Amino acid sequence: MLNMAGIWIDDLLHTVNPRAARRVLGTKGAHILVRMPEKCRSRRIATINSKGEPFYCLPCGNYHYFGPTETLYEDEKEHVFINATEFDFLLAEANRQFLHWR
């Protein structure tokens, strides 16, 4: 069986059978871009965050990509945005990693 509906598979299954069991547990992977000092422009990190999940810091033009988060998400799939808690977590993790690898 192939899932061609992605994160909307549960919605699709419920149109056929309203009592169909849930198949997808949604997680939200938030990311941010941060302008780093010039001396850090080539720095990159692939590691594990304080929750034991993958964490990356990768150059992206004049910015660095930080992320992702792995947050349980059960709201509307069409309106997913980063929240303040996730933003603060990503900045704290970036600081933790740079202090650790300094």
PDB file of N, CA and C in Angstrom:
ATOM      1  N   MET A   1       0.841  -1.175   0.000  1.00  0.00           N
ATOM      2  CA  MET A   1       0.000   0.000   0.000  1.00  0.00           C
ATOM      3  C   MET A   1       0.886   1.238   0.000  1.00  0.00           C
ATOM      4  N   LEU A   2       0.555   2.198  -0.818  1.00  0.00           N
ATOM      5  CA  LEU A   2       1.281   3.460  -0.867  1.00  0.00           C
ATOM      6  C   LEU A   2       0.413   4.565  -0.301  1.00  0.00           C
ATOM      7  N   ASN A   3       1.010   5.409   0.518  1.00  0.00           N
ATOM      8  CA  ASN A   3       0.301   6.579   1.051  1.00  0.00           C
ATOM      9  C   ASN A   3       0.633   7.771   0.176  1.00  0.00           C
ATOM     10  N   MET A   4      -0.253   8.103  -0.727  1.00  0.00           N
ATOM     11  CA  MET A   4      -0.045   9.250  -1.612  1.00  0.00           C
ATOM     12  C   MET A   4      -0.750  10.489  -1.070  1.00  0.00           C
ATOM     13  N   ALA A   5      -1.390  10.373   0.087  1.00  0.00           N
ATOM     14  CA  ALA A   5      -2.114  11.501   0.677  1.00  0.00           C
ATOM     15  C   ALA A   5      -1.278  12.223   1.726  1.00  0.00           C
ATOM     16  N   GLY A   6      -0.116  11.670   2.067  1.00  0.00           N
ATOM     17  CA  GLY A   6       0.755  12.323   3.047  1.00  0.00           C
ATOM     18  C   GLY A   6       0.060  12.520   4.386  1.00  0.00           C
ATOM     19  N   ILE A   7       0.219  13.716   4.947  1.00  0.00           N
ATOM     20  CA  ILE A   7      -0.342  13.980   6.271  1.00  0.00           C
ATOM     21  C   ILE A   7      -1.863  14.062   6.264  1.00  0.00           C
ATOM     22  N   TRP A   8      -2.463  14.048   5.077  1.00  0.00           N
ATOM     23  CA  TRP A   8      -3.918  14.098   4.967  1.00  0.00           C
ATOM     24  C   TRP A   8      -4.543  12.707   4.871  1.00  0.00           C
ATOM     25  N   ILE A   9      -3.755  11.630   5.076  1.00  0.00           N
ATOM     26  CA  ILE A   9      -4.277  10.266   4.931  1.00  0.00           C
ATOM     27  C   ILE A   9      -5.447  10.002   5.877  1.00  0.00           C
ATOM     28  N   ASP A  10      -5.372  10.481   7.105  1.00  0.00           N
ATOM     29  CA  ASP A  10      -6.483  10.250   8.045  1.00  0.00           C
ATOM     30  C   ASP A  10      -7.758  10.943   7.564  1.00  0.00           C
ATOM     31  N   ASP A  11      -7.640  12.150   7.025  1.00  0.00           N
ATOM     32  CA  ASP A  11      -8.811  12.851   6.477  1.00  0.00           C
ATOM     33  C   ASP A  11      -9.417  12.053   5.336  1.00  0.00           C
ATOM     34  N   LEU A  12      -8.579  11.534   4.464  1.00  0.00           N
ATOM     35  CA  LEU A  12      -9.044  10.752   3.325  1.00  0.00           C
ATOM     36  C   LEU A  12      -9.740   9.476   3.789  1.00  0.00           C
ATOM     37  N   LEU A  13      -9.115   8.767   4.717  1.00  0.00           N
ATOM     38  CA  LEU A  13      -9.715   7.524   5.219  1.00  0.00           C
ATOM     39  C   LEU A  13     -11.058   7.776   5.887  1.00  0.00           C
ATOM     40  N   HIS A  14     -11.195   8.901   6.579  1.00  0.00           N
ATOM     41  CA  HIS A  14     -12.459   9.207   7.252  1.00  0.00           C
ATOM     42  C   HIS A  14     -13.579   9.544   6.278  1.00  0.00           C
ATOM     43  N   THR A  15     -13.255   9.930   5.048  1.00  0.00           N
ATOM     44  CA  THR A  15     -14.316  10.149   4.060  1.00  0.00           C
ATOM     45  C   THR A  15     -14.928   8.818   3.622  1.00  0.00           C
ATOM     46  N   VAL A  16     -14.136   7.758   3.667  1.00  0.00           N
ATOM     47  CA  VAL A  16     -14.616   6.426   3.312  1.00  0.00           C
ATOM     48  C   VAL A  16     -15.223   5.725   4.517  1.00  0.00           C
ATOM     49  N   ASN A  17     -14.576   5.877   5.679  1.00  0.00           N
ATOM     50  CA  ASN A  17     -15.035   5.220   6.905  1.00  0.00           C
ATOM     51  C   ASN A  17     -14.818   6.178   8.076  1.00  0.00           C
ATOM     52  N   PRO A  18     -15.882   6.840   8.540  1.00  0.00           N
ATOM     53  CA  PRO A  18     -15.738   7.812   9.634  1.00  0.00           C
ATOM     54  C   PRO A  18     -15.144   7.224  10.914  1.00  0.00           C
ATOM     55  N   ARG A  19     -15.181   5.904  11.062  1.00  0.00           N
ATOM     56  CA  ARG A  19     -14.631   5.271  12.268  1.00  0.00           C
ATOM     57  C   ARG A  19     -13.241   4.681  12.037  1.00  0.00           C
ATOM     58  N   ALA A  20     -12.623   5.007  10.926  1.00  0.00           N
ATOM     59  CA  ALA A  20     -11.286   4.480  10.618  1.00  0.00           C
ATOM     60  C   ALA A  20     -10.291   4.919  11.685  1.00  0.00           C
ATOM     61  N   ALA A  21      -9.399   4.009  12.040  1.00  0.00           N
ATOM     62  CA  ALA A  21      -8.378   4.303  13.051  1.00  0.00           C
ATOM     63  C   ALA A  21      -7.400   5.347  12.511  1.00  0.00           C
ATOM     64  N   ARG A  22      -6.897   6.148  13.401  1.00  0.00           N
ATOM     65  CA  ARG A  22      -5.905   7.150  13.043  1.00  0.00           C
ATOM     66  C   ARG A  22      -4.604   6.464  12.638  1.00  0.00           C
ATOM     67  N   ARG A  23      -3.996   6.940  11.561  1.00  0.00           N
ATOM     68  CA  ARG A  23      -2.756   6.349  11.049  1.00  0.00           C
ATOM     69  C   ARG A  23      -1.541   7.240  11.244  1.00  0.00           C
ATOM     70  N   VAL A  24      -1.762   8.552  11.291  1.00  0.00           N
ATOM     71  CA  VAL A  24      -0.647   9.498  11.321  1.00  0.00           C
ATOM     72  C   VAL A  24      -0.652  10.288  12.623  1.00  0.00           C
ATOM     73  N   LEU A  25       0.475  10.296  13.301  1.00  0.00           N
ATOM     74  CA  LEU A  25       0.680  11.156  14.461  1.00  0.00           C
ATOM     75  C   LEU A  25       1.541  12.308  13.968  1.00  0.00           C
ATOM     76  N   GLY A  26       0.961  13.489  13.921  1.00  0.00           N
ATOM     77  CA  GLY A  26       1.653  14.620  13.333  1.00  0.00           C
ATOM     78  C   GLY A  26       2.709  15.230  14.234  1.00  0.00           C
ATOM     79  N   THR A  27       3.846  15.522  13.647  1.00  0.00           N
ATOM     80  CA  THR A  27       4.869  16.302  14.333  1.00  0.00           C
ATOM     81  C   THR A  27       5.201  17.504  13.464  1.00  0.00           C
ATOM     82  N   LYS A  28       5.553  18.568  14.127  1.00  0.00           N
ATOM     83  CA  LYS A  28       5.910  19.800  13.430  1.00  0.00           C
ATOM     84  C   LYS A  28       7.408  19.998  13.586  1.00  0.00           C
ATOM     85  N   GLY A  29       8.074  20.167  12.481  1.00  0.00           N
ATOM     86  CA  GLY A  29       9.513  20.438  12.492  1.00  0.00           C
ATOM     87  C   GLY A  29       9.753  21.899  12.183  1.00  0.00           C
ATOM     88  N   ALA A  30       9.923  22.710  13.205  1.00  0.00           N
ATOM     89  CA  ALA A  30      10.164  24.143  13.007  1.00  0.00           C
ATOM     90  C   ALA A  30      11.642  24.391  12.770  1.00  0.00           C
ATOM     91  N   HIS A  31      11.933  25.401  11.957  1.00  0.00           N
ATOM     92  CA  HIS A  31      13.299  25.806  11.626  1.00  0.00           C
ATOM     93  C   HIS A  31      13.351  27.326  11.669  1.00  0.00           C
ATOM     94  N   ILE A  32      14.534  27.859  11.869  1.00  0.00           N
ATOM     95  CA  ILE A  32      14.725  29.309  11.791  1.00  0.00           C
ATOM     96  C   ILE A  32      15.984  29.603  10.985  1.00  0.00           C
ATOM     97  N   LEU A  33      16.044  30.806  10.450  1.00  0.00           N
ATOM     98  CA  LEU A  33      17.258  31.318   9.801  1.00  0.00           C
ATOM     99  C   LEU A  33      17.788  32.457  10.646  1.00  0.00           C
ATOM    100  N   VAL A  34      19.092  32.437  10.894  1.00  0.00           N
ATOM    101  CA  VAL A  34      19.732  33.444  11.734  1.00  0.00           C
ATOM    102  C   VAL A  34      20.955  33.979  10.995  1.00  0.00           C
ATOM    103  N   ARG A  35      21.145  35.292  11.036  1.00  0.00           N
ATOM    104  CA  ARG A  35      22.356  35.880  10.452  1.00  0.00           C
ATOM    105  C   ARG A  35      23.471  35.763  11.489  1.00  0.00           C
ATOM    106  N   MET A  36      24.509  35.035  11.123  1.00  0.00           N
ATOM    107  CA  MET A  36      25.637  34.800  12.016  1.00  0.00           C
ATOM    108  C   MET A  36      26.728  35.831  11.760  1.00  0.00           C
ATOM    109  N   PRO A  37      27.623  36.039  12.734  1.00  0.00           N
ATOM    110  CA  PRO A  37      28.772  36.913  12.498  1.00  0.00           C
ATOM    111  C   PRO A  37      29.618  36.380  11.337  1.00  0.00           C
ATOM    112  N   GLU A  38      30.301  37.265  10.656  1.00  0.00           N
ATOM    113  CA  GLU A  38      31.105  36.899   9.476  1.00  0.00           C
ATOM    114  C   GLU A  38      32.063  35.737   9.763  1.00  0.00           C
ATOM    115  N   LYS A  39      32.700  35.748  10.935  1.00  0.00           N
ATOM    116  CA  LYS A  39      33.681  34.691  11.247  1.00  0.00           C
ATOM    117  C   LYS A  39      33.041  33.314  11.398  1.00  0.00           C
ATOM    118  N   CYS A  40      31.725  33.254  11.523  1.00  0.00           N
ATOM    119  CA  CYS A  40      31.009  31.979  11.686  1.00  0.00           C
ATOM    120  C   CYS A  40      30.334  31.515  10.404  1.00  0.00           C
ATOM    121  N   ARG A  41      30.449  32.265   9.329  1.00  0.00           N
ATOM    122  CA  ARG A  41      29.682  31.982   8.104  1.00  0.00           C
ATOM    123  C   ARG A  41      29.909  30.583   7.542  1.00  0.00           C
ATOM    124  N   SER A  42      31.073  30.010   7.748  1.00  0.00           N
ATOM    125  CA  SER A  42      31.330  28.675   7.192  1.00  0.00           C
ATOM    126  C   SER A  42      31.098  27.555   8.213  1.00  0.00           C
ATOM    127  N   ARG A  43      30.739  27.892   9.432  1.00  0.00           N
ATOM    128  CA  ARG A  43      30.534  26.880  10.473  1.00  0.00           C
ATOM    129  C   ARG A  43      29.270  26.075  10.196  1.00  0.00           C
ATOM    130  N   ARG A  44      29.340  24.812  10.523  1.00  0.00           N
ATOM    131  CA  ARG A  44      28.177  23.926  10.397  1.00  0.00           C
ATOM    132  C   ARG A  44      28.243  22.861  11.468  1.00  0.00           C
ATOM    133  N   ILE A  45      27.076  22.432  11.913  1.00  0.00           N
ATOM    134  CA  ILE A  45      26.991  21.418  12.967  1.00  0.00           C
ATOM    135  C   ILE A  45      25.872  20.448  12.618  1.00  0.00           C
ATOM    136  N   ALA A  46      26.118  19.177  12.775  1.00  0.00           N
ATOM    137  CA  ALA A  46      25.096  18.134  12.712  1.00  0.00           C
ATOM    138  C   ALA A  46      25.281  17.341  13.991  1.00  0.00           C
ATOM    139  N   THR A  47      24.305  17.398  14.880  1.00  0.00           N
ATOM    140  CA  THR A  47      24.478  16.803  16.198  1.00  0.00           C
ATOM    141  C   THR A  47      23.126  16.365  16.750  1.00  0.00           C
ATOM    142  N   ILE A  48      23.084  16.117  18.030  1.00  0.00           N
ATOM    143  CA  ILE A  48      21.864  15.732  18.738  1.00  0.00           C
ATOM    144  C   ILE A  48      21.550  16.834  19.739  1.00  0.00           C
ATOM    145  N   ASN A  49      20.288  17.265  19.787  1.00  0.00           N
ATOM    146  CA  ASN A  49      19.919  18.327  20.727  1.00  0.00           C
ATOM    147  C   ASN A  49      19.737  17.787  22.144  1.00  0.00           C
ATOM    148  N   SER A  50      19.355  18.635  23.051  1.00  0.00           N
ATOM    149  CA  SER A  50      19.220  18.249  24.460  1.00  0.00           C
ATOM    150  C   SER A  50      18.056  17.275  24.703  1.00  0.00           C
ATOM    151  N   LYS A  51      17.186  17.091  23.705  1.00  0.00           N
ATOM    152  CA  LYS A  51      16.089  16.123  23.808  1.00  0.00           C
ATOM    153  C   LYS A  51      16.434  14.794  23.136  1.00  0.00           C
ATOM    154  N   GLY A  52      17.660  14.689  22.609  1.00  0.00           N
ATOM    155  CA  GLY A  52      18.078  13.466  21.940  1.00  0.00           C
ATOM    156  C   GLY A  52      17.612  13.372  20.493  1.00  0.00           C
ATOM    157  N   GLU A  53      17.262  14.504  19.887  1.00  0.00           N
ATOM    158  CA  GLU A  53      16.785  14.544  18.508  1.00  0.00           C
ATOM    159  C   GLU A  53      17.846  15.193  17.614  1.00  0.00           C
ATOM    160  N   PRO A  54      17.797  14.949  16.305  1.00  0.00           N
ATOM    161  CA  PRO A  54      18.753  15.587  15.389  1.00  0.00           C
ATOM    162  C   PRO A  54      18.645  17.105  15.439  1.00  0.00           C
ATOM    163  N   PHE A  55      19.790  17.757  15.327  1.00  0.00           N
ATOM    164  CA  PHE A  55      19.833  19.217  15.304  1.00  0.00           C
ATOM    165  C   PHE A  55      20.919  19.637  14.336  1.00  0.00           C
ATOM    166  N   TYR A  56      20.580  20.587  13.470  1.00  0.00           N
ATOM    167  CA  TYR A  56      21.510  21.033  12.442  1.00  0.00           C
ATOM    168  C   TYR A  56      21.693  22.538  12.495  1.00  0.00           C
ATOM    169  N   CYS A  57      22.889  22.962  12.161  1.00  0.00           N
ATOM    170  CA  CYS A  57      23.213  24.368  11.923  1.00  0.00           C
ATOM    171  C   CYS A  57      23.972  24.366  10.607  1.00  0.00           C
ATOM    172  N   LEU A  58      23.324  24.871   9.564  1.00  0.00           N
ATOM    173  CA  LEU A  58      23.907  24.793   8.228  1.00  0.00           C
ATOM    174  C   LEU A  58      23.888  26.154   7.549  1.00  0.00           C
ATOM    175  N   PRO A  59      24.984  26.530   6.871  1.00  0.00           N
ATOM    176  CA  PRO A  59      24.986  27.788   6.130  1.00  0.00           C
ATOM    177  C   PRO A  59      23.915  27.776   5.043  1.00  0.00           C
ATOM    178  N   CYS A  60      23.283  28.922   4.875  1.00  0.00           N
ATOM    179  CA  CYS A  60      22.231  29.073   3.865  1.00  0.00           C
ATOM    180  C   CYS A  60      22.312  30.508   3.353  1.00  0.00           C
ATOM    181  N   GLY A  61      23.174  30.745   2.366  1.00  0.00           N
ATOM    182  CA  GLY A  61      23.407  32.105   1.886  1.00  0.00           C
ATOM    183  C   GLY A  61      24.083  32.927   2.970  1.00  0.00           C
ATOM    184  N   ASN A  62      23.517  34.074   3.299  1.00  0.00           N
ATOM    185  CA  ASN A  62      24.061  34.930   4.362  1.00  0.00           C
ATOM    186  C   ASN A  62      23.531  34.562   5.741  1.00  0.00           C
ATOM    187  N   TYR A  63      22.804  33.478   5.826  1.00  0.00           N
ATOM    188  CA  TYR A  63      22.179  33.045   7.080  1.00  0.00           C
ATOM    189  C   TYR A  63      22.630  31.640   7.429  1.00  0.00           C
ATOM    190  N   HIS A  64      22.203  31.194   8.594  1.00  0.00           N
ATOM    191  CA  HIS A  64      22.356  29.799   9.006  1.00  0.00           C
ATOM    192  C   HIS A  64      20.977  29.257   9.338  1.00  0.00           C
ATOM    193  N   TYR A  65      20.757  28.029   8.914  1.00  0.00           N
ATOM    194  CA  TYR A  65      19.535  27.293   9.218  1.00  0.00           C
ATOM    195  C   TYR A  65      19.752  26.574  10.543  1.00  0.00           C
ATOM    196  N   PHE A  66      18.811  26.709  11.466  1.00  0.00           N
ATOM    197  CA  PHE A  66      18.834  25.972  12.734  1.00  0.00           C
ATOM    198  C   PHE A  66      17.563  25.150  12.834  1.00  0.00           C
ATOM    199  N   GLY A  67      17.715  23.900  13.234  1.00  0.00           N
ATOM    200  CA  GLY A  67      16.526  23.089  13.444  1.00  0.00           C
ATOM    201  C   GLY A  67      16.817  21.635  13.165  1.00  0.00           C
ATOM    202  N   PRO A  68      15.794  20.847  13.130  1.00  0.00           N
ATOM    203  CA  PRO A  68      14.390  21.172  13.355  1.00  0.00           C
ATOM    204  C   PRO A  68      13.972  20.873  14.784  1.00  0.00           C
ATOM    205  N   THR A  69      12.769  21.284  15.105  1.00  0.00           N
ATOM    206  CA  THR A  69      12.126  20.814  16.328  1.00  0.00           C
ATOM    207  C   THR A  69      11.327  19.567  15.968  1.00  0.00           C
ATOM    208  N   GLU A  70      10.886  18.841  16.940  1.00  0.00           N
ATOM    209  CA  GLU A  70       9.982  17.709  16.742  1.00  0.00           C
ATOM    210  C   GLU A  70       8.852  17.882  17.751  1.00  0.00           C
ATOM    211  N   THR A  71       7.840  18.646  17.374  1.00  0.00           N
ATOM    212  CA  THR A  71       6.740  18.990  18.269  1.00  0.00           C
ATOM    213  C   THR A  71       5.468  18.268  17.836  1.00  0.00           C
ATOM    214  N   LEU A  72       4.807  17.598  18.765  1.00  0.00           N
ATOM    215  CA  LEU A  72       3.517  16.983  18.466  1.00  0.00           C
ATOM    216  C   LEU A  72       2.572  18.063  17.970  1.00  0.00           C
ATOM    217  N   TYR A  73       1.886  17.802  16.859  1.00  0.00           N
ATOM    218  CA  TYR A  73       1.012  18.812  16.271  1.00  0.00           C
ATOM    219  C   TYR A  73      -0.304  18.164  15.863  1.00  0.00           C
ATOM    220  N   GLU A  74      -1.406  18.678  16.423  1.00  0.00           N
ATOM    221  CA  GLU A  74      -2.723  18.113  16.118  1.00  0.00           C
ATOM    222  C   GLU A  74      -3.715  19.163  15.642  1.00  0.00           C
ATOM    223  N   ASP A  75      -3.248  20.373  15.352  1.00  0.00           N
ATOM    224  CA  ASP A  75      -4.144  21.421  14.877  1.00  0.00           C
ATOM    225  C   ASP A  75      -4.291  21.337  13.356  1.00  0.00           C
ATOM    226  N   GLU A  76      -4.817  22.396  12.756  1.00  0.00           N
ATOM    227  CA  GLU A  76      -5.052  22.421  11.317  1.00  0.00           C
ATOM    228  C   GLU A  76      -3.753  22.283  10.531  1.00  0.00           C
ATOM    229  N   LYS A  77      -3.720  21.341   9.622  1.00  0.00           N
ATOM    230  CA  LYS A  77      -2.516  21.072   8.840  1.00  0.00           C
ATOM    231  C   LYS A  77      -2.182  22.208   7.872  1.00  0.00           C
ATOM    232  N   GLU A  78      -3.171  22.990   7.515  1.00  0.00           N
ATOM    233  CA  GLU A  78      -2.962  24.063   6.548  1.00  0.00           C
ATOM    234  C   GLU A  78      -2.429  25.345   7.179  1.00  0.00           C
ATOM    235  N   HIS A  79      -2.353  25.401   8.498  1.00  0.00           N
ATOM    236  CA  HIS A  79      -1.941  26.625   9.187  1.00  0.00           C
ATOM    237  C   HIS A  79      -0.875  26.333  10.247  1.00  0.00           C
ATOM    238  N   VAL A  80       0.252  25.815   9.819  1.00  0.00           N
ATOM    239  CA  VAL A  80       1.324  25.447  10.730  1.00  0.00           C
ATOM    240  C   VAL A  80       2.354  26.578  10.775  1.00  0.00           C
ATOM    241  N   PHE A  81       2.624  27.076  11.961  1.00  0.00           N
ATOM    242  CA  PHE A  81       3.601  28.136  12.153  1.00  0.00           C
ATOM    243  C   PHE A  81       4.450  27.828  13.378  1.00  0.00           C
ATOM    244  N   ILE A  82       5.645  28.377  13.410  1.00  0.00           N
ATOM    245  CA  ILE A  82       6.496  28.260  14.592  1.00  0.00           C
ATOM    246  C   ILE A  82       5.897  29.116  15.707  1.00  0.00           C
ATOM    247  N   ASN A  83       6.003  28.631  16.945  1.00  0.00           N
ATOM    248  CA  ASN A  83       5.534  29.443  18.078  1.00  0.00           C
ATOM    249  C   ASN A  83       6.736  29.924  18.891  1.00  0.00           C
ATOM    250  N   ALA A  84       6.469  30.774  19.860  1.00  0.00           N
ATOM    251  CA  ALA A  84       7.545  31.384  20.648  1.00  0.00           C
ATOM    252  C   ALA A  84       8.359  30.338  21.405  1.00  0.00           C
ATOM    253  N   THR A  85       7.715  29.306  21.897  1.00  0.00           N
ATOM    254  CA  THR A  85       8.421  28.253  22.641  1.00  0.00           C
ATOM    255  C   THR A  85       9.416  27.538  21.734  1.00  0.00           C
ATOM    256  N   GLU A  86       8.994  27.213  20.523  1.00  0.00           N
ATOM    257  CA  GLU A  86       9.886  26.545  19.573  1.00  0.00           C
ATOM    258  C   GLU A  86      11.033  27.461  19.155  1.00  0.00           C
ATOM    259  N   PHE A  87      10.728  28.715  18.919  1.00  0.00           N
ATOM    260  CA  PHE A  87      11.754  29.692  18.544  1.00  0.00           C
ATOM    261  C   PHE A  87      12.805  29.803  19.648  1.00  0.00           C
ATOM    262  N   ASP A  88      12.341  29.957  20.885  1.00  0.00           N
ATOM    263  CA  ASP A  88      13.263  30.058  22.020  1.00  0.00           C
ATOM    264  C   ASP A  88      14.089  28.789  22.173  1.00  0.00           C
ATOM    265  N   PHE A  89      13.470  27.626  21.967  1.00  0.00           N
ATOM    266  CA  PHE A  89      14.186  26.356  22.060  1.00  0.00           C
ATOM    267  C   PHE A  89      15.306  26.293  21.017  1.00  0.00           C
ATOM    268  N   LEU A  90      14.996  26.673  19.777  1.00  0.00           N
ATOM    269  CA  LEU A  90      16.005  26.616  18.720  1.00  0.00           C
ATOM    270  C   LEU A  90      17.172  27.556  18.999  1.00  0.00           C
ATOM    271  N   LEU A  91      16.880  28.756  19.483  1.00  0.00           N
ATOM    272  CA  LEU A  91      17.974  29.677  19.827  1.00  0.00           C
ATOM    273  C   LEU A  91      18.800  29.146  20.997  1.00  0.00           C
ATOM    274  N   ALA A  92      18.144  28.594  21.998  1.00  0.00           N
ATOM    275  CA  ALA A  92      18.856  28.034  23.153  1.00  0.00           C
ATOM    276  C   ALA A  92      19.734  26.855  22.727  1.00  0.00           C
ATOM    277  N   GLU A  93      19.210  26.004  21.857  1.00  0.00           N
ATOM    278  CA  GLU A  93      20.004  24.871  21.372  1.00  0.00           C
ATOM    279  C   GLU A  93      21.201  25.346  20.561  1.00  0.00           C
ATOM    280  N   ALA A  94      21.007  26.350  19.722  1.00  0.00           N
ATOM    281  CA  ALA A  94      22.121  26.890  18.942  1.00  0.00           C
ATOM    282  C   ALA A  94      23.195  27.425  19.884  1.00  0.00           C
ATOM    283  N   ASN A  95      22.788  28.177  20.876  1.00  0.00           N
ATOM    284  CA  ASN A  95      23.756  28.702  21.847  1.00  0.00           C
ATOM    285  C   ASN A  95      24.465  27.584  22.586  1.00  0.00           C
ATOM    286  N   ARG A  96      23.721  26.586  22.996  1.00  0.00           N
ATOM    287  CA  ARG A  96      24.300  25.443  23.714  1.00  0.00           C
ATOM    288  C   ARG A  96      25.338  24.739  22.839  1.00  0.00           C
ATOM    289  N   GLN A  97      25.005  24.537  21.578  1.00  0.00           N
ATOM    290  CA  GLN A  97      25.932  23.835  20.679  1.00  0.00           C
ATOM    291  C   GLN A  97      27.180  24.660  20.411  1.00  0.00           C
ATOM    292  N   PHE A  98      27.026  25.957  20.166  1.00  0.00           N
ATOM    293  CA  PHE A  98      28.193  26.774  19.890  1.00  0.00           C
ATOM    294  C   PHE A  98      29.080  26.930  21.112  1.00  0.00           C
ATOM    295  N   LEU A  99      28.496  26.997  22.294  1.00  0.00           N
ATOM    296  CA  LEU A  99      29.314  27.068  23.504  1.00  0.00           C
ATOM    297  C   LEU A  99      30.051  25.755  23.722  1.00  0.00           C
ATOM    298  N   HIS A 100      29.389  24.646  23.403  1.00  0.00           N
ATOM    299  CA  HIS A 100      29.990  23.325  23.573  1.00  0.00           C
ATOM    300  C   HIS A 100      31.154  23.111  22.593  1.00  0.00           C
ATOM    301  N   TRP A 101      31.038  23.588  21.376  1.00  0.00           N
ATOM    302  CA  TRP A 101      32.031  23.340  20.333  1.00  0.00           C
ATOM    303  C   TRP A 101      33.035  24.459  20.173  1.00  0.00           C
ATOM    304  N   ARG A 102      32.959  25.481  21.007  1.00  0.00           N
ATOM    305  CA  ARG A 102      33.840  26.629  20.893  1.00  0.00           C
ATOM    306  C   ARG A 102      35.269  26.295  21.063  1.00  0.00           C
TER     307      ARG A 102
END
